[in-house]
């Protein structure tokens, strides 16, 4: 596996306490608010599948469908999903998933948040590069979104 094509890694320093960042990640409704997904009335729990309609302009036809793997309060949240399922005429359910891992670390002046999405090398070759490109750009935006969210609340 080539880590350059298999994984996306992002880090951001958030000017907020770890407990605040954890709530923004682990509370499904709050997560949906900054991530751009309708998750009203939903909760995140290990082993649970969570679905919600994407609210991000231009992507409203998409459904976020994640399987929560691990939740370690104020340390780690991970899930599996099908990356960039943008074509509503395609059944992605038989494809391998990627693993998204958020890790929180105490840092001077706030919390260091890292996100790693791995497993792209197992995605069908016909859509691997595009899924990687779209998600790479998407994580750039989501890091900005969570920073604004925790700073404002």
N, C-alpha and C. Protein backbone atom coordinates (compact mmCIF):
# COMPACT_ATOMS: atom_id res chain seq x y z
N UNK A 1 0.83 -1.19 0.00
CA UNK A 1 0.00 0.00 0.00
C UNK A 1 0.87 1.25 0.00
N UNK A 2 0.51 2.19 -0.78
CA UNK A 2 1.21 3.47 -0.85
C UNK A 2 0.45 4.47 0.01
N UNK A 3 1.05 4.90 1.11
CA UNK A 3 0.31 5.78 2.02
C UNK A 3 -0.09 7.10 1.36
N UNK A 4 0.62 7.51 0.30
CA UNK A 4 0.28 8.74 -0.39
C UNK A 4 -1.05 8.64 -1.11
N UNK A 5 -1.43 7.43 -1.53
CA UNK A 5 -2.71 7.25 -2.23
C UNK A 5 -3.76 6.60 -1.35
N UNK A 6 -3.34 6.00 -0.23
CA UNK A 6 -4.27 5.26 0.61
C UNK A 6 -4.90 6.10 1.70
N UNK A 7 -4.25 7.18 2.09
CA UNK A 7 -4.76 7.93 3.25
C UNK A 7 -4.68 9.44 3.08
N UNK A 8 -5.65 10.09 3.69
CA UNK A 8 -5.71 11.55 3.77
C UNK A 8 -5.49 11.88 5.24
N UNK A 9 -4.61 12.81 5.53
CA UNK A 9 -4.35 13.22 6.91
C UNK A 9 -4.45 14.74 7.02
N UNK A 10 -5.17 15.19 8.03
CA UNK A 10 -5.29 16.61 8.31
C UNK A 10 -5.13 16.83 9.81
N UNK A 11 -4.53 17.97 10.17
CA UNK A 11 -4.42 18.37 11.58
C UNK A 11 -4.78 19.83 11.68
N UNK A 12 -5.40 20.17 12.80
CA UNK A 12 -5.73 21.58 13.04
C UNK A 12 -5.67 21.85 14.53
N UNK A 13 -5.15 23.01 14.87
CA UNK A 13 -5.12 23.46 16.26
C UNK A 13 -6.40 24.25 16.50
N UNK A 14 -7.21 23.77 17.44
CA UNK A 14 -8.48 24.43 17.75
C UNK A 14 -8.36 25.16 19.07
N UNK A 15 -8.80 26.41 19.08
CA UNK A 15 -8.73 27.21 20.30
C UNK A 15 -9.97 26.93 21.15
N UNK A 16 -10.04 25.70 21.63
CA UNK A 16 -11.17 25.27 22.45
C UNK A 16 -10.72 24.10 23.31
N UNK A 17 -11.31 23.95 24.49
CA UNK A 17 -10.95 22.82 25.34
C UNK A 17 -11.33 21.48 24.69
N UNK A 18 -10.62 20.43 25.08
CA UNK A 18 -10.88 19.10 24.54
C UNK A 18 -12.33 18.67 24.70
N UNK A 19 -12.92 18.96 25.85
CA UNK A 19 -14.32 18.58 26.10
C UNK A 19 -15.24 19.24 25.07
N UNK A 20 -14.94 20.47 24.70
CA UNK A 20 -15.76 21.20 23.73
C UNK A 20 -15.62 20.58 22.33
N UNK A 21 -14.40 20.27 21.95
CA UNK A 21 -14.15 19.66 20.63
C UNK A 21 -14.80 18.27 20.59
N UNK A 22 -14.67 17.53 21.68
CA UNK A 22 -15.29 16.19 21.74
C UNK A 22 -16.79 16.28 21.52
N UNK A 23 -17.43 17.25 22.17
CA UNK A 23 -18.88 17.40 22.01
C UNK A 23 -19.24 17.70 20.55
N UNK A 24 -18.44 18.54 19.88
CA UNK A 24 -18.70 18.88 18.48
C UNK A 24 -18.58 17.65 17.58
N UNK A 25 -17.74 16.71 17.97
CA UNK A 25 -17.56 15.47 17.19
C UNK A 25 -18.56 14.39 17.56
N UNK A 26 -18.80 14.20 18.84
CA UNK A 26 -19.53 13.02 19.31
C UNK A 26 -21.04 13.22 19.46
N UNK A 27 -21.49 14.46 19.56
CA UNK A 27 -22.92 14.72 19.63
C UNK A 27 -23.42 14.80 18.19
N UNK A 28 -24.21 13.82 17.78
CA UNK A 28 -24.61 13.69 16.37
C UNK A 28 -25.27 14.97 15.84
N UNK A 29 -26.17 15.55 16.60
CA UNK A 29 -26.85 16.76 16.11
C UNK A 29 -25.87 17.91 15.93
N UNK A 30 -24.96 18.08 16.89
CA UNK A 30 -23.97 19.15 16.78
C UNK A 30 -22.99 18.86 15.64
N UNK A 31 -22.58 17.61 15.51
CA UNK A 31 -21.72 17.21 14.40
C UNK A 31 -22.38 17.57 13.07
N UNK A 32 -23.64 17.23 12.93
CA UNK A 32 -24.37 17.52 11.70
C UNK A 32 -24.40 19.00 11.38
N UNK A 33 -24.47 19.84 12.43
CA UNK A 33 -24.55 21.29 12.22
C UNK A 33 -23.30 21.82 11.51
N UNK A 34 -22.12 21.39 11.90
CA UNK A 34 -20.91 21.91 11.25
C UNK A 34 -20.47 21.06 10.06
N UNK A 35 -20.83 19.77 10.03
CA UNK A 35 -20.41 18.89 8.95
C UNK A 35 -21.31 19.01 7.73
N UNK A 36 -22.53 19.54 7.93
CA UNK A 36 -23.46 19.73 6.81
C UNK A 36 -24.35 18.54 6.56
N UNK A 37 -24.90 17.97 7.64
CA UNK A 37 -25.77 16.80 7.55
C UNK A 37 -26.92 16.95 8.54
N UNK A 38 -28.12 16.58 8.11
CA UNK A 38 -29.29 16.64 9.00
C UNK A 38 -29.29 15.40 9.90
N UNK A 39 -28.95 15.60 11.18
CA UNK A 39 -28.89 14.48 12.13
C UNK A 39 -29.74 14.74 13.37
N UNK A 40 -30.80 15.53 13.20
CA UNK A 40 -31.70 15.82 14.32
C UNK A 40 -32.27 14.53 14.89
N UNK A 41 -32.18 14.40 16.21
CA UNK A 41 -32.73 13.23 16.89
C UNK A 41 -31.85 11.99 16.82
N UNK A 42 -30.67 12.09 16.18
CA UNK A 42 -29.76 10.93 16.04
C UNK A 42 -28.69 10.98 17.13
N UNK A 43 -28.11 9.82 17.42
CA UNK A 43 -27.00 9.74 18.36
C UNK A 43 -25.90 8.87 17.77
N UNK A 44 -24.68 9.12 18.22
CA UNK A 44 -23.54 8.31 17.83
C UNK A 44 -23.26 7.32 18.96
N UNK A 45 -23.08 6.06 18.63
CA UNK A 45 -22.68 5.04 19.59
C UNK A 45 -21.92 3.96 18.84
N UNK A 46 -20.89 3.42 19.48
CA UNK A 46 -20.07 2.38 18.84
C UNK A 46 -20.96 1.23 18.38
N UNK A 47 -20.72 0.77 17.15
CA UNK A 47 -21.50 -0.33 16.59
C UNK A 47 -22.79 0.10 15.91
N UNK A 48 -23.11 1.39 15.99
CA UNK A 48 -24.37 1.89 15.44
C UNK A 48 -24.17 2.54 14.07
N UNK A 49 -25.11 2.30 13.17
CA UNK A 49 -25.12 2.94 11.86
C UNK A 49 -25.98 4.21 11.98
N UNK A 50 -25.49 5.30 11.40
CA UNK A 50 -26.20 6.58 11.44
C UNK A 50 -26.30 7.10 10.01
N UNK A 51 -27.51 7.53 9.65
CA UNK A 51 -27.74 8.08 8.32
C UNK A 51 -28.40 9.45 8.45
N UNK A 52 -28.06 10.34 7.51
CA UNK A 52 -28.68 11.65 7.48
C UNK A 52 -28.49 12.29 6.12
N UNK A 53 -29.42 13.14 5.75
CA UNK A 53 -29.35 13.83 4.46
C UNK A 53 -28.31 14.95 4.52
N UNK A 54 -27.47 15.00 3.49
CA UNK A 54 -26.46 16.04 3.40
C UNK A 54 -27.16 17.38 3.11
N UNK A 55 -26.73 18.43 3.80
CA UNK A 55 -27.34 19.75 3.63
C UNK A 55 -26.41 20.71 2.89
N UNK A 56 -25.20 20.27 2.56
CA UNK A 56 -24.24 21.12 1.88
C UNK A 56 -24.74 21.42 0.47
N UNK A 57 -24.80 22.71 0.07
CA UNK A 57 -25.33 23.08 -1.24
C UNK A 57 -24.66 22.32 -2.39
N UNK A 58 -25.47 21.76 -3.24
CA UNK A 58 -24.99 20.99 -4.37
C UNK A 58 -24.86 19.50 -4.11
N UNK A 59 -24.96 19.12 -2.83
CA UNK A 59 -24.81 17.71 -2.46
C UNK A 59 -26.05 17.19 -1.71
N UNK A 60 -27.16 17.93 -1.81
CA UNK A 60 -28.37 17.57 -1.07
C UNK A 60 -28.94 16.21 -1.47
N UNK A 61 -28.55 15.69 -2.63
CA UNK A 61 -29.03 14.38 -3.08
C UNK A 61 -28.31 13.24 -2.35
N UNK A 62 -27.25 13.55 -1.61
CA UNK A 62 -26.46 12.53 -0.94
C UNK A 62 -26.96 12.25 0.48
N UNK A 63 -26.70 11.02 0.92
CA UNK A 63 -27.02 10.62 2.29
C UNK A 63 -25.71 10.22 2.97
N UNK A 64 -25.44 10.83 4.12
CA UNK A 64 -24.31 10.39 4.93
C UNK A 64 -24.73 9.08 5.58
N UNK A 65 -23.94 8.05 5.42
CA UNK A 65 -24.23 6.73 5.99
C UNK A 65 -22.93 6.23 6.60
N UNK A 66 -22.86 6.29 7.94
CA UNK A 66 -21.62 5.89 8.62
C UNK A 66 -21.90 4.80 9.64
N UNK A 67 -20.91 3.99 9.89
CA UNK A 67 -20.97 2.97 10.94
C UNK A 67 -19.92 3.36 11.98
N UNK A 68 -20.39 3.77 13.14
CA UNK A 68 -19.48 4.19 14.21
C UNK A 68 -18.72 2.95 14.71
N UNK A 69 -17.40 3.04 14.71
CA UNK A 69 -16.58 1.93 15.19
C UNK A 69 -16.18 2.09 16.64
N UNK A 70 -15.54 3.23 16.95
CA UNK A 70 -15.02 3.42 18.31
C UNK A 70 -15.33 4.82 18.79
N UNK A 71 -15.61 4.91 20.09
CA UNK A 71 -15.78 6.20 20.75
C UNK A 71 -15.05 6.13 22.08
N UNK A 72 -13.98 6.88 22.20
CA UNK A 72 -13.23 6.97 23.45
C UNK A 72 -13.31 8.43 23.87
N UNK A 73 -14.19 8.75 24.83
CA UNK A 73 -14.46 10.15 25.19
C UNK A 73 -13.21 11.02 25.31
N UNK A 74 -13.29 12.14 24.60
CA UNK A 74 -12.27 13.18 24.56
C UNK A 74 -10.94 12.72 23.97
N UNK A 75 -10.92 11.53 23.34
CA UNK A 75 -9.69 11.03 22.73
C UNK A 75 -9.86 10.63 21.27
N UNK A 76 -10.87 9.79 20.96
CA UNK A 76 -10.95 9.20 19.63
C UNK A 76 -12.38 8.88 19.23
N UNK A 77 -12.69 9.18 17.98
CA UNK A 77 -13.95 8.79 17.36
C UNK A 77 -13.60 8.24 15.99
N UNK A 78 -14.12 7.05 15.66
CA UNK A 78 -13.85 6.51 14.33
C UNK A 78 -15.12 5.93 13.73
N UNK A 79 -15.17 5.97 12.40
CA UNK A 79 -16.29 5.39 11.68
C UNK A 79 -15.82 4.85 10.34
N UNK A 80 -16.69 4.06 9.72
CA UNK A 80 -16.47 3.58 8.35
C UNK A 80 -17.58 4.15 7.48
N UNK A 81 -17.23 4.42 6.21
CA UNK A 81 -18.20 4.91 5.25
C UNK A 81 -17.72 4.63 3.83
N UNK A 82 -18.59 4.84 2.88
CA UNK A 82 -18.23 4.74 1.48
C UNK A 82 -17.86 6.15 1.04
N UNK A 83 -16.60 6.38 0.63
CA UNK A 83 -16.16 7.73 0.29
C UNK A 83 -16.79 8.25 -0.99
N UNK A 84 -17.24 9.48 -0.93
CA UNK A 84 -17.77 10.19 -2.10
C UNK A 84 -18.82 9.41 -2.88
N UNK A 85 -19.91 9.01 -2.23
CA UNK A 85 -20.97 8.30 -2.96
C UNK A 85 -21.88 9.29 -3.69
N UNK A 86 -21.31 10.00 -4.67
CA UNK A 86 -22.02 11.14 -5.26
C UNK A 86 -23.00 10.78 -6.37
N UNK A 87 -22.90 9.59 -6.93
CA UNK A 87 -23.80 9.19 -8.02
C UNK A 87 -24.95 8.38 -7.43
N UNK A 88 -26.13 8.99 -7.36
CA UNK A 88 -27.27 8.32 -6.72
C UNK A 88 -27.76 7.10 -7.49
N UNK A 89 -27.28 6.90 -8.71
CA UNK A 89 -27.69 5.72 -9.48
C UNK A 89 -26.78 4.51 -9.22
N UNK A 90 -25.73 4.70 -8.43
CA UNK A 90 -24.78 3.62 -8.14
C UNK A 90 -25.03 3.04 -6.76
N UNK A 91 -24.99 1.71 -6.66
CA UNK A 91 -25.09 1.02 -5.37
C UNK A 91 -23.67 0.79 -4.86
N UNK A 92 -23.29 1.55 -3.84
CA UNK A 92 -21.94 1.46 -3.29
C UNK A 92 -21.83 0.39 -2.21
N UNK A 93 -22.92 -0.24 -1.84
CA UNK A 93 -22.95 -1.12 -0.67
C UNK A 93 -21.99 -2.31 -0.75
N UNK A 94 -21.61 -2.74 -1.95
CA UNK A 94 -20.70 -3.87 -2.07
C UNK A 94 -19.22 -3.46 -2.10
N UNK A 95 -18.98 -2.16 -2.15
CA UNK A 95 -17.59 -1.67 -2.16
C UNK A 95 -17.00 -1.69 -0.75
N UNK A 96 -15.68 -1.78 -0.66
CA UNK A 96 -15.03 -1.62 0.65
C UNK A 96 -15.27 -0.19 1.16
N UNK A 97 -15.17 -0.02 2.46
CA UNK A 97 -15.32 1.30 3.07
C UNK A 97 -13.95 1.85 3.42
N UNK A 98 -13.91 3.14 3.70
CA UNK A 98 -12.70 3.74 4.26
C UNK A 98 -12.96 3.96 5.75
N UNK A 99 -11.88 4.09 6.50
CA UNK A 99 -11.95 4.31 7.94
C UNK A 99 -11.56 5.75 8.22
N UNK A 100 -12.42 6.47 8.95
CA UNK A 100 -12.15 7.85 9.36
C UNK A 100 -11.89 7.83 10.86
N UNK A 101 -10.75 8.39 11.26
CA UNK A 101 -10.38 8.43 12.68
C UNK A 101 -10.07 9.87 13.08
N UNK A 102 -10.83 10.37 14.05
CA UNK A 102 -10.56 11.67 14.66
C UNK A 102 -9.83 11.41 15.97
N UNK A 103 -8.71 12.12 16.19
CA UNK A 103 -8.00 12.01 17.45
C UNK A 103 -7.82 13.41 18.03
N UNK A 104 -8.02 13.51 19.35
CA UNK A 104 -7.88 14.78 20.06
C UNK A 104 -6.70 14.68 21.00
N UNK A 105 -5.88 15.72 21.02
CA UNK A 105 -4.74 15.78 21.92
C UNK A 105 -4.71 17.15 22.58
N UNK A 106 -4.41 17.14 23.87
CA UNK A 106 -4.25 18.38 24.63
C UNK A 106 -3.08 19.14 24.02
N UNK A 107 -3.23 20.44 23.86
CA UNK A 107 -2.16 21.27 23.33
C UNK A 107 -2.24 22.64 23.99
N UNK A 108 -1.12 23.33 24.00
CA UNK A 108 -1.11 24.66 24.61
C UNK A 108 -2.09 25.57 23.87
N UNK A 109 -3.03 26.13 24.60
CA UNK A 109 -4.00 27.04 24.01
C UNK A 109 -5.20 26.38 23.39
N UNK A 110 -5.33 25.06 23.56
CA UNK A 110 -6.51 24.40 23.00
C UNK A 110 -6.33 22.92 22.77
N UNK A 111 -6.83 22.46 21.62
CA UNK A 111 -6.86 21.04 21.30
C UNK A 111 -6.33 20.82 19.89
N UNK A 112 -5.43 19.86 19.75
CA UNK A 112 -4.95 19.46 18.44
C UNK A 112 -5.87 18.34 17.94
N UNK A 113 -6.55 18.60 16.83
CA UNK A 113 -7.45 17.62 16.23
C UNK A 113 -6.80 17.08 14.97
N UNK A 114 -6.73 15.75 14.88
CA UNK A 114 -6.25 15.15 13.64
C UNK A 114 -7.34 14.24 13.09
N UNK A 115 -7.42 14.19 11.77
CA UNK A 115 -8.33 13.27 11.11
C UNK A 115 -7.52 12.52 10.06
N UNK A 116 -7.71 11.21 10.05
CA UNK A 116 -7.07 10.36 9.04
C UNK A 116 -8.16 9.51 8.41
N UNK A 117 -8.26 9.56 7.09
CA UNK A 117 -9.15 8.67 6.36
C UNK A 117 -8.27 7.73 5.56
N UNK A 118 -8.40 6.43 5.81
CA UNK A 118 -7.54 5.45 5.14
C UNK A 118 -8.37 4.35 4.50
N UNK A 119 -7.74 3.67 3.54
CA UNK A 119 -8.39 2.57 2.86
C UNK A 119 -8.72 2.84 1.40
N UNK A 120 -8.23 3.95 0.87
CA UNK A 120 -8.56 4.31 -0.53
C UNK A 120 -7.99 3.31 -1.53
N UNK A 121 -6.87 2.66 -1.19
CA UNK A 121 -6.28 1.71 -2.13
C UNK A 121 -7.18 0.50 -2.38
N UNK A 122 -8.19 0.30 -1.53
CA UNK A 122 -9.12 -0.82 -1.72
C UNK A 122 -10.38 -0.41 -2.50
N UNK A 123 -10.56 0.89 -2.72
CA UNK A 123 -11.72 1.38 -3.47
C UNK A 123 -11.52 1.00 -4.95
N UNK A 124 -12.60 0.62 -5.65
CA UNK A 124 -12.45 0.26 -7.07
C UNK A 124 -11.65 1.31 -7.85
N UNK A 125 -10.73 0.82 -8.66
CA UNK A 125 -9.82 1.70 -9.40
C UNK A 125 -10.54 2.76 -10.22
N UNK A 126 -11.70 2.42 -10.76
CA UNK A 126 -12.43 3.34 -11.64
C UNK A 126 -12.83 4.63 -10.92
N UNK A 127 -12.98 4.61 -9.60
CA UNK A 127 -13.38 5.82 -8.90
C UNK A 127 -12.46 6.21 -7.75
N UNK A 128 -11.39 5.47 -7.58
CA UNK A 128 -10.47 5.71 -6.45
C UNK A 128 -9.89 7.13 -6.46
N UNK A 129 -9.30 7.56 -7.57
CA UNK A 129 -8.63 8.86 -7.62
C UNK A 129 -9.62 10.00 -7.38
N UNK A 130 -10.82 9.89 -7.96
CA UNK A 130 -11.82 10.94 -7.78
C UNK A 130 -12.32 10.98 -6.33
N UNK A 131 -12.56 9.82 -5.73
CA UNK A 131 -12.99 9.78 -4.32
C UNK A 131 -11.92 10.39 -3.43
N UNK A 132 -10.66 10.06 -3.69
CA UNK A 132 -9.55 10.61 -2.91
C UNK A 132 -9.50 12.13 -3.07
N UNK A 133 -9.61 12.60 -4.30
CA UNK A 133 -9.54 14.04 -4.58
C UNK A 133 -10.68 14.79 -3.89
N UNK A 134 -11.90 14.27 -4.04
CA UNK A 134 -13.06 14.93 -3.44
C UNK A 134 -12.98 14.93 -1.92
N UNK A 135 -12.61 13.81 -1.33
CA UNK A 135 -12.53 13.76 0.13
C UNK A 135 -11.38 14.58 0.67
N UNK A 136 -10.28 14.62 -0.07
CA UNK A 136 -9.15 15.44 0.35
C UNK A 136 -9.57 16.91 0.45
N UNK A 137 -10.24 17.37 -0.60
CA UNK A 137 -10.76 18.75 -0.59
C UNK A 137 -11.82 18.92 0.50
N UNK A 138 -12.66 17.90 0.65
CA UNK A 138 -13.71 17.96 1.67
C UNK A 138 -13.16 18.09 3.08
N UNK A 139 -12.09 17.34 3.40
CA UNK A 139 -11.52 17.44 4.75
C UNK A 139 -10.89 18.81 4.98
N UNK A 140 -10.35 19.42 3.94
CA UNK A 140 -9.83 20.79 4.10
C UNK A 140 -10.96 21.70 4.59
N UNK A 141 -12.09 21.61 3.94
CA UNK A 141 -13.25 22.44 4.32
C UNK A 141 -13.80 22.08 5.68
N UNK A 142 -13.85 20.79 6.00
CA UNK A 142 -14.42 20.38 7.29
C UNK A 142 -13.54 20.81 8.47
N UNK A 143 -12.23 20.88 8.27
CA UNK A 143 -11.36 21.37 9.34
C UNK A 143 -11.66 22.84 9.63
N UNK A 144 -11.90 23.61 8.56
CA UNK A 144 -12.30 25.02 8.76
C UNK A 144 -13.65 25.10 9.44
N UNK A 145 -14.58 24.22 9.04
CA UNK A 145 -15.93 24.25 9.62
C UNK A 145 -15.92 23.97 11.12
N UNK A 146 -15.18 22.97 11.55
CA UNK A 146 -15.18 22.65 12.99
C UNK A 146 -14.46 23.77 13.77
N UNK A 147 -13.42 24.36 13.18
CA UNK A 147 -12.74 25.45 13.86
C UNK A 147 -13.69 26.62 14.10
N UNK A 148 -14.44 27.01 13.09
CA UNK A 148 -15.43 28.08 13.24
C UNK A 148 -16.50 27.70 14.25
N UNK A 149 -16.95 26.46 14.18
CA UNK A 149 -18.03 26.00 15.06
C UNK A 149 -17.62 26.05 16.53
N UNK A 150 -16.47 25.49 16.88
CA UNK A 150 -16.09 25.47 18.29
C UNK A 150 -15.69 26.86 18.80
N UNK A 151 -15.23 27.73 17.90
CA UNK A 151 -14.89 29.09 18.30
C UNK A 151 -16.13 29.91 18.58
N UNK A 152 -17.23 29.61 17.88
CA UNK A 152 -18.46 30.39 18.01
C UNK A 152 -19.35 29.91 19.16
N UNK A 153 -19.15 28.70 19.64
CA UNK A 153 -20.06 28.14 20.66
C UNK A 153 -19.33 27.94 21.96
